[in-house]
All heavy atoms as atom14 arrays in JSON, in Angstrom:
{
  "sequence": "KELGREDFSQIPNGIPGVEHRPVLLYTAGV",
  "atom14_mask": [
    [1, 1, 1, 1, 1, 1, 1, 1, 1, 0, 0, 0, 0, 0],
    [1, 1, 1, 1, 1, 1, 1, 1, 1, 0, 0, 0, 0, 0],
    [1, 1, 1, 1, 1, 1, 1, 1, 0, 0, 0, 0, 0, 0],
    [1, 1, 1, 1, 0, 0, 0, 0, 0, 0, 0, 0, 0, 0],
    [1, 1, 1, 1, 1, 1, 1, 1, 1, 1, 1, 0, 0, 0],
    [1, 1, 1, 1, 1, 1, 1, 1, 1, 0, 0, 0, 0, 0],
    [1, 1, 1, 1, 1, 1, 1, 1, 0, 0, 0, 0, 0, 0],
    [1, 1, 1, 1, 1, 1, 1, 1, 1, 1, 1, 0, 0, 0],
    [1, 1, 1, 1, 1, 1, 0, 0, 0, 0, 0, 0, 0, 0],
    [1, 1, 1, 1, 1, 1, 1, 1, 1, 0, 0, 0, 0, 0],
    [1, 1, 1, 1, 1, 1, 1, 1, 0, 0, 0, 0, 0, 0],
    [1, 1, 1, 1, 1, 1, 1, 0, 0, 0, 0, 0, 0, 0],
    [1, 1, 1, 1, 1, 1, 1, 1, 0, 0, 0, 0, 0, 0],
    [1, 1, 1, 1, 0, 0, 0, 0, 0, 0, 0, 0, 0, 0],
    [1, 1, 1, 1, 1, 1, 1, 1, 0, 0, 0, 0, 0, 0],
    [1, 1, 1, 1, 1, 1, 1, 0, 0, 0, 0, 0, 0, 0],
    [1, 1, 1, 1, 0, 0, 0, 0, 0, 0, 0, 0, 0, 0],
    [1, 1, 1, 1, 1, 1, 1, 0, 0, 0, 0, 0, 0, 0],
    [1, 1, 1, 1, 1, 1, 1, 1, 1, 0, 0, 0, 0, 0],
    [1, 1, 1, 1, 1, 1, 1, 1, 1, 1, 0, 0, 0, 0],
    [1, 1, 1, 1, 1, 1, 1, 1, 1, 1, 1, 0, 0, 0],
    [1, 1, 1, 1, 1, 1, 1, 0, 0, 0, 0, 0, 0, 0],
    [1, 1, 1, 1, 1, 1, 1, 0, 0, 0, 0, 0, 0, 0],
    [1, 1, 1, 1, 1, 1, 1, 1, 0, 0, 0, 0, 0, 0],
    [1, 1, 1, 1, 1, 1, 1, 1, 0, 0, 0, 0, 0, 0],
    [1, 1, 1, 1, 1, 1, 1, 1, 1, 1, 1, 1, 0, 0],
    [1, 1, 1, 1, 1, 1, 1, 0, 0, 0, 0, 0, 0, 0],
    [1, 1, 1, 1, 1, 0, 0, 0, 0, 0, 0, 0, 0, 0],
    [1, 1, 1, 1, 0, 0, 0, 0, 0, 0, 0, 0, 0, 0],
    [1, 1, 1, 1, 1, 1, 1, 0, 0, 0, 0, 0, 0, 0]
  ],
  "atom14_positions": [
    [[-35.83, -16.08, -10.12], [-35.12, -17.34, -10.33], [-35.36, -17.88, -11.76], [-34.5, -18.51, -12.32], [-35.64, -18.42, -9.31], [-35.22, -18.2, -7.84], [-33.81, -18.68, -7.61], [-33.46, -18.7, -6.12], [-32.11, -19.2, -5.89], [0.0, 0.0, 0.0], [0.0, 0.0, 0.0], [0.0, 0.0, 0.0], [0.0, 0.0, 0.0], [0.0, 0.0, 0.0]],
    [[-36.58, -17.53, -12.3], [-36.89, -18.01, -13.6], [-36.03, -17.35, -14.71], [-36.11, -17.78, -15.88], [-38.34, -17.76, -13.89], [-39.28, -18.68, -13.13], [-40.75, -18.41, -13.41], [-41.1, -17.22, -13.59], [-41.52, -19.37, -13.38], [0.0, 0.0, 0.0], [0.0, 0.0, 0.0], [0.0, 0.0, 0.0], [0.0, 0.0, 0.0], [0.0, 0.0, 0.0]],
    [[-35.22, -16.37, -14.37], [-34.31, -15.77, -15.37], [-33.32, -16.82, -15.87], [-32.74, -16.65, -16.95], [-33.51, -14.61, -14.71], [-34.33, -13.34, -14.37], [-33.47, -12.41, -13.52], [-34.89, -12.68, -15.68], [0.0, 0.0, 0.0], [0.0, 0.0, 0.0], [0.0, 0.0, 0.0], [0.0, 0.0, 0.0], [0.0, 0.0, 0.0], [0.0, 0.0, 0.0]],
    [[-33.16, -17.91, -15.12], [-32.23, -18.97, -15.51], [-32.91, -20.24, -16.07], [-32.25, -21.29, -16.08], [0.0, 0.0, 0.0], [0.0, 0.0, 0.0], [0.0, 0.0, 0.0], [0.0, 0.0, 0.0], [0.0, 0.0, 0.0], [0.0, 0.0, 0.0], [0.0, 0.0, 0.0], [0.0, 0.0, 0.0], [0.0, 0.0, 0.0], [0.0, 0.0, 0.0]],
    [[-34.1, -20.11, -16.57], [-34.8, -21.3, -17.11], [-34.04, -21.96, -18.23], [-34.04, -23.19, -18.33], [-36.2, -20.89, -17.6], [-37.23, -20.98, -16.5], [-38.64, -21.0, -17.07], [-39.63, -21.12, -15.98], [-40.04, -22.26, -15.49], [-39.53, -23.4, -15.97], [-40.97, -22.23, -14.57], [0.0, 0.0, 0.0], [0.0, 0.0, 0.0], [0.0, 0.0, 0.0]],
    [[-33.33, -21.21, -19.05], [-32.63, -21.76, -20.19], [-31.12, -21.94, -19.9], [-30.38, -22.49, -20.74], [-32.76, -20.84, -21.42], [-34.24, -20.56, -21.76], [-35.03, -21.79, -22.02], [-34.51, -22.74, -22.61], [-36.23, -21.81, -21.6], [0.0, 0.0, 0.0], [0.0, 0.0, 0.0], [0.0, 0.0, 0.0], [0.0, 0.0, 0.0], [0.0, 0.0, 0.0]],
    [[-30.66, -21.5, -18.72], [-29.24, -21.53, -18.4], [-29.05, -21.44, -16.91], [-29.31, -20.4, -16.31], [-28.53, -20.38, -19.11], [-27.04, -20.32, -18.8], [-26.57, -21.08, -17.94], [-26.37, -19.45, -19.38], [0.0, 0.0, 0.0], [0.0, 0.0, 0.0], [0.0, 0.0, 0.0], [0.0, 0.0, 0.0], [0.0, 0.0, 0.0], [0.0, 0.0, 0.0]],
    [[-28.7, -22.57, -16.27], [-28.63, -22.6, -14.81], [-27.68, -21.59, -14.26], [-27.9, -21.06, -13.12], [-28.19, -23.99, -14.38], [-26.7, -24.28, -14.61], [-25.76, -24.01, -13.64], [-26.27, -24.82, -15.81], [-24.43, -24.27, -13.79], [-24.9, -25.06, -16.02], [-23.98, -24.79, -15.01], [0.0, 0.0, 0.0], [0.0, 0.0, 0.0], [0.0, 0.0, 0.0]],
    [[-26.68, -21.14, -15.01], [-25.73, -20.18, -14.45], [-26.33, -18.78, -14.33], [-25.7, -17.88, -13.74], [-24.47, -20.11, -15.35], [-24.73, -19.59, -16.61], [0.0, 0.0, 0.0], [0.0, 0.0, 0.0], [0.0, 0.0, 0.0], [0.0, 0.0, 0.0], [0.0, 0.0, 0.0], [0.0, 0.0, 0.0], [0.0, 0.0, 0.0], [0.0, 0.0, 0.0]],
    [[-27.55, -18.6, -14.86], [-28.25, -17.3, -14.78], [-29.27, -17.31, -13.68], [-29.95, -16.25, -13.51], [-28.9, -16.94, -16.11], [-27.9, -16.82, -17.27], [-26.82, -15.81, -17.0], [-27.1, -14.65, -16.64], [-25.56, -16.19, -17.12], [0.0, 0.0, 0.0], [0.0, 0.0, 0.0], [0.0, 0.0, 0.0], [0.0, 0.0, 0.0], [0.0, 0.0, 0.0]],
    [[-29.42, -18.4, -12.94], [-30.31, -18.41, -11.83], [-29.7, -17.65, -10.67], [-28.58, -17.96, -10.25], [-30.6, -19.85, -11.39], [-31.22, -20.69, -12.48], [-31.5, -19.88, -10.14], [-31.3, -22.19, -12.17], [0.0, 0.0, 0.0], [0.0, 0.0, 0.0], [0.0, 0.0, 0.0], [0.0, 0.0, 0.0], [0.0, 0.0, 0.0], [0.0, 0.0, 0.0]],
    [[-30.32, -16.59, -10.19], [-29.75, -15.86, -9.05], [-29.52, -16.84, -7.84], [-30.38, -17.57, -7.46], [-30.79, -14.82, -8.69], [-31.54, -14.62, -9.98], [-31.57, -15.96, -10.65], [0.0, 0.0, 0.0], [0.0, 0.0, 0.0], [0.0, 0.0, 0.0], [0.0, 0.0, 0.0], [0.0, 0.0, 0.0], [0.0, 0.0, 0.0], [0.0, 0.0, 0.0]],
    [[-28.32, -16.75, -7.33], [-27.91, -17.61, -6.23], [-28.37, -17.1, -4.86], [-27.97, -16.0, -4.5], [-26.39, -17.79, -6.21], [-25.84, -18.79, -7.2], [-24.98, -19.56, -6.91], [-26.46, -18.8, -8.38], [0.0, 0.0, 0.0], [0.0, 0.0, 0.0], [0.0, 0.0, 0.0], [0.0, 0.0, 0.0], [0.0, 0.0, 0.0], [0.0, 0.0, 0.0]],
    [[-29.14, -17.92, -4.15], [-29.47, -17.52, -2.79], [-30.87, -18.01, -2.43], [-31.71, -18.31, -3.3], [0.0, 0.0, 0.0], [0.0, 0.0, 0.0], [0.0, 0.0, 0.0], [0.0, 0.0, 0.0], [0.0, 0.0, 0.0], [0.0, 0.0, 0.0], [0.0, 0.0, 0.0], [0.0, 0.0, 0.0], [0.0, 0.0, 0.0], [0.0, 0.0, 0.0]],
    [[-31.13, -18.13, -1.09], [-32.39, -18.55, -0.61], [-32.8, -17.7, 0.58], [-31.9, -17.11, 1.29], [-32.41, -20.02, -0.18], [-31.37, -20.32, 0.92], [-32.17, -20.96, -1.37], [-31.52, -21.71, 1.51], [0.0, 0.0, 0.0], [0.0, 0.0, 0.0], [0.0, 0.0, 0.0], [0.0, 0.0, 0.0], [0.0, 0.0, 0.0], [0.0, 0.0, 0.0]],
    [[-34.08, -17.67, 0.9], [-34.48, -16.96, 2.15], [-34.34, -17.83, 3.33], [-34.31, -19.09, 3.22], [-35.97, -16.69, 1.86], [-36.41, -17.75, 0.9], [-35.2, -18.07, 0.09], [0.0, 0.0, 0.0], [0.0, 0.0, 0.0], [0.0, 0.0, 0.0], [0.0, 0.0, 0.0], [0.0, 0.0, 0.0], [0.0, 0.0, 0.0], [0.0, 0.0, 0.0]],
    [[-34.2, -17.25, 4.53], [-34.04, -18.08, 5.73], [-33.98, -17.34, 7.05], [-33.98, -17.94, 8.11], [0.0, 0.0, 0.0], [0.0, 0.0, 0.0], [0.0, 0.0, 0.0], [0.0, 0.0, 0.0], [0.0, 0.0, 0.0], [0.0, 0.0, 0.0], [0.0, 0.0, 0.0], [0.0, 0.0, 0.0], [0.0, 0.0, 0.0], [0.0, 0.0, 0.0]],
    [[-33.92, -15.97, 7.02], [-33.66, -15.2, 8.25], [-34.78, -15.4, 9.27], [-34.51, -15.32, 10.5], [-33.5, -13.73, 7.91], [-34.81, -13.07, 7.54], [-32.78, -12.97, 9.06], [0.0, 0.0, 0.0], [0.0, 0.0, 0.0], [0.0, 0.0, 0.0], [0.0, 0.0, 0.0], [0.0, 0.0, 0.0], [0.0, 0.0, 0.0], [0.0, 0.0, 0.0]],
    [[-35.97, -15.72, 8.84], [-37.09, -15.8, 9.81], [-37.12, -17.12, 10.54], [-37.42, -17.14, 11.75], [-38.42, -15.64, 8.99], [-39.64, -15.71, 9.88], [-40.91, -15.25, 9.15], [-40.81, -14.84, 7.97], [-41.98, -15.38, 9.68], [0.0, 0.0, 0.0], [0.0, 0.0, 0.0], [0.0, 0.0, 0.0], [0.0, 0.0, 0.0], [0.0, 0.0, 0.0]],
    [[-36.75, -18.21, 9.9], [-36.98, -19.53, 10.48], [-35.75, -20.17, 11.11], [-35.87, -21.24, 11.69], [-37.56, -20.43, 9.4], [-38.82, -19.92, 8.81], [-38.99, -19.69, 7.47], [-40.04, -19.61, 9.37], [-40.2, -19.26, 7.19], [-40.83, -19.2, 8.37], [0.0, 0.0, 0.0], [0.0, 0.0, 0.0], [0.0, 0.0, 0.0], [0.0, 0.0, 0.0]],
    [[-34.59, -19.58, 11.01], [-33.37, -20.14, 11.57], [-33.51, -20.62, 13.01], [-33.18, -21.81, 13.32], [-32.24, -19.14, 11.42], [-30.89, -19.63, 12.02], [-29.84, -18.5, 11.95], [-30.32, -17.37, 12.76], [-29.56, -16.64, 13.57], [-28.24, -16.96, 13.7], [-30.0, -15.61, 14.19], [0.0, 0.0, 0.0], [0.0, 0.0, 0.0], [0.0, 0.0, 0.0]],
    [[-33.95, -19.81, 13.99], [-33.93, -20.29, 15.37], [-34.87, -21.49, 15.58], [-34.44, -22.46, 16.25], [-34.38, -19.06, 16.19], [-33.99, -17.89, 15.32], [-34.21, -18.34, 13.93], [0.0, 0.0, 0.0], [0.0, 0.0, 0.0], [0.0, 0.0, 0.0], [0.0, 0.0, 0.0], [0.0, 0.0, 0.0], [0.0, 0.0, 0.0], [0.0, 0.0, 0.0]],
    [[-36.08, -21.41, 15.06], [-36.98, -22.54, 15.36], [-36.56, -23.8, 14.63], [-36.74, -24.93, 15.17], [-38.45, -22.15, 15.01], [-38.68, -22.06, 13.53], [-39.43, -23.11, 15.66], [0.0, 0.0, 0.0], [0.0, 0.0, 0.0], [0.0, 0.0, 0.0], [0.0, 0.0, 0.0], [0.0, 0.0, 0.0], [0.0, 0.0, 0.0], [0.0, 0.0, 0.0]],
    [[-36.01, -23.67, 13.41], [-35.5, -24.87, 12.72], [-34.36, -25.49, 13.47], [-34.32, -26.74, 13.58], [-35.06, -24.46, 11.29], [-36.17, -24.09, 10.34], [-35.55, -23.53, 9.05], [-37.04, -25.3, 9.97], [0.0, 0.0, 0.0], [0.0, 0.0, 0.0], [0.0, 0.0, 0.0], [0.0, 0.0, 0.0], [0.0, 0.0, 0.0], [0.0, 0.0, 0.0]],
    [[-33.49, -24.7, 13.99], [-32.32, -25.28, 14.71], [-32.73, -25.8, 16.07], [-32.18, -26.8, 16.54], [-31.23, -24.23, 14.83], [-30.6, -23.85, 13.51], [-29.64, -22.66, 13.67], [-29.78, -25.07, 12.92], [0.0, 0.0, 0.0], [0.0, 0.0, 0.0], [0.0, 0.0, 0.0], [0.0, 0.0, 0.0], [0.0, 0.0, 0.0], [0.0, 0.0, 0.0]],
    [[-33.69, -25.15, 16.7], [-34.21, -25.69, 17.96], [-34.83, -27.07, 17.71], [-34.61, -28.0, 18.43], [-35.24, -24.79, 18.63], [-35.67, -25.29, 19.93], [-34.99, -24.97, 21.07], [-36.75, -26.16, 20.09], [-35.36, -25.47, 22.36], [-37.13, -26.68, 21.29], [-36.45, -26.32, 22.44], [-36.78, -26.87, 23.63], [0.0, 0.0, 0.0], [0.0, 0.0, 0.0]],
    [[-35.65, -27.15, 16.63], [-36.29, -28.42, 16.27], [-35.29, -29.49, 15.98], [-35.34, -30.61, 16.55], [-37.25, -28.17, 15.07], [-38.17, -27.21, 15.4], [-37.91, -29.49, 14.72], [0.0, 0.0, 0.0], [0.0, 0.0, 0.0], [0.0, 0.0, 0.0], [0.0, 0.0, 0.0], [0.0, 0.0, 0.0], [0.0, 0.0, 0.0], [0.0, 0.0, 0.0]],
    [[-34.39, -29.24, 15.04], [-33.44, -30.26, 14.57], [-32.31, -30.5, 15.57], [-31.73, -31.6, 15.58], [-32.87, -29.83, 13.21], [0.0, 0.0, 0.0], [0.0, 0.0, 0.0], [0.0, 0.0, 0.0], [0.0, 0.0, 0.0], [0.0, 0.0, 0.0], [0.0, 0.0, 0.0], [0.0, 0.0, 0.0], [0.0, 0.0, 0.0], [0.0, 0.0, 0.0]],
    [[-32.0, -29.53, 16.38], [-30.86, -29.66, 17.32], [-31.33, -29.96, 18.73], [-30.96, -31.01, 19.28], [0.0, 0.0, 0.0], [0.0, 0.0, 0.0], [0.0, 0.0, 0.0], [0.0, 0.0, 0.0], [0.0, 0.0, 0.0], [0.0, 0.0, 0.0], [0.0, 0.0, 0.0], [0.0, 0.0, 0.0], [0.0, 0.0, 0.0], [0.0, 0.0, 0.0]],
    [[-32.06, -29.1, 19.37], [-32.38, -29.25, 20.77], [-33.51, -30.28, 20.98], [-33.35, -31.2, 21.76], [-32.78, -27.87, 21.41], [-33.11, -28.06, 22.88], [-31.66, -26.85, 21.2], [0.0, 0.0, 0.0], [0.0, 0.0, 0.0], [0.0, 0.0, 0.0], [0.0, 0.0, 0.0], [0.0, 0.0, 0.0], [0.0, 0.0, 0.0], [0.0, 0.0, 0.0]]
  ]
}
């Protein structure tokens, strides 16, 4: 991500999330 420190358009786009999706949605939803 730090590849874009001088230029936001060079920050690789994306985040992690595959592990926590079910428990986060159970928490916030159910």
